[in-house]
C-alpha cells in the first residue's frame, strides 16, 4: 500500500486547512515528542525547520490564503 503524503498544512489529514491544523502545529512546536506530525505538512514556510514561524504563517493562511501562500517542501533527514 503506498504512503499517502499529507497536504501542505493539513496536520490532521482531514483534507481541509483550519484552526485545528494550526493548533496541532503549535502543540508540535511546544512539544515535538508528545505531538509528532508529518514534517512535510508542518514546514509551511519551506525553510527546512518547524518552528513558530510556521504556526504564524499557517494561521495567516487559514484567514487569507491568497495573501499568505504556503511553501511546504521535504525536510532532509540525517
Protein backbone atom coordinates (compact mmCIF):
# COMPACT_ATOMS: atom_id res chain seq x y z
CA UNK A 1 0.00 0.00 0.00
CA UNK A 2 1.53 3.38 -0.99
CA UNK A 3 2.27 6.03 1.60
CA UNK A 4 -0.16 8.94 1.34
CA UNK A 5 1.56 12.28 1.87
CA UNK A 6 -0.34 14.89 3.84
CA UNK A 7 -1.37 18.08 2.10
CA UNK A 8 0.78 21.09 2.95
CA UNK A 9 -0.52 22.46 6.28
CA UNK A 10 -3.12 19.71 6.77
CA UNK A 11 -1.72 18.28 10.00
CA UNK A 12 -4.83 16.26 10.89
CA UNK A 13 -5.15 14.92 7.29
CA UNK A 14 -8.86 15.69 7.02
CA UNK A 15 -8.47 17.37 3.62
CA UNK A 16 -9.05 20.94 4.84
CA UNK A 17 -6.90 23.62 6.42
CA UNK A 18 -8.44 25.06 9.57
CA UNK A 19 -7.73 26.14 13.14
CA UNK A 20 -7.33 22.51 14.24
CA UNK A 21 -4.28 22.21 11.98
CA UNK A 22 -2.80 25.40 13.44
CA UNK A 23 -3.39 24.05 16.97
CA UNK A 24 -1.69 20.75 16.13
CA UNK A 25 1.27 22.63 14.69
CA UNK A 26 1.51 24.86 17.76
CA UNK A 27 1.39 21.78 20.02
CA UNK A 28 4.19 20.20 17.99
CA UNK A 29 6.38 23.29 18.22
CA UNK A 30 5.86 23.35 22.01
CA UNK A 31 6.47 19.59 22.48
CA UNK A 32 7.54 17.67 19.38
CA UNK A 33 7.91 14.37 21.23
CA UNK A 34 4.37 14.50 22.59
CA UNK A 35 2.83 15.79 19.33
CA UNK A 36 4.54 14.18 16.33
CA UNK A 37 3.44 15.40 12.90
CA UNK A 38 4.18 14.80 9.23
CA UNK A 39 7.14 17.14 8.76
CA UNK A 40 6.21 17.86 5.13
CA UNK A 41 2.81 19.16 6.20
CA UNK A 42 4.26 21.17 9.11
CA UNK A 43 7.08 23.05 7.39
CA UNK A 44 4.73 25.53 5.73
CA UNK A 45 7.43 28.20 5.36
CA UNK A 46 9.62 25.78 3.41
CA UNK A 47 12.75 26.74 5.34
CA UNK A 48 13.62 23.19 6.40
CA UNK A 49 12.58 23.51 10.03
CA UNK A 50 9.35 23.59 12.00
CA UNK A 51 9.01 26.50 14.40
CA UNK A 52 6.77 29.39 15.46
CA UNK A 53 7.15 30.99 12.02
CA UNK A 54 5.30 28.01 10.55
CA UNK A 55 2.50 28.41 13.11
CA UNK A 56 2.14 32.11 12.29
CA UNK A 57 2.10 31.51 8.53
CA UNK A 58 -0.43 28.68 8.76
CA UNK A 59 -2.74 30.80 10.93
CA UNK A 60 -2.47 33.70 8.49
CA UNK A 61 -3.05 31.37 5.53
CA UNK A 62 -6.22 29.98 7.09
CA UNK A 63 -7.60 33.53 7.29
CA UNK A 64 -6.30 34.79 3.94
CA UNK A 65 -4.89 32.02 1.70
CA UNK A 66 -4.19 34.24 -1.31
CA UNK A 67 -2.25 36.77 0.74
CA UNK A 68 -0.25 34.14 2.69
CA UNK A 69 0.66 31.18 0.45
CA UNK A 70 2.26 28.07 1.95
CA UNK A 71 5.62 26.73 0.75
CA UNK A 72 5.97 23.15 2.02
CA UNK A 73 8.94 21.13 0.91
CA UNK A 74 10.51 17.89 2.07
CA UNK A 75 12.72 18.21 5.15
CA UNK A 76 16.01 16.35 4.76
CA UNK A 77 16.54 13.56 7.26
CA UNK A 78 20.03 12.75 8.57
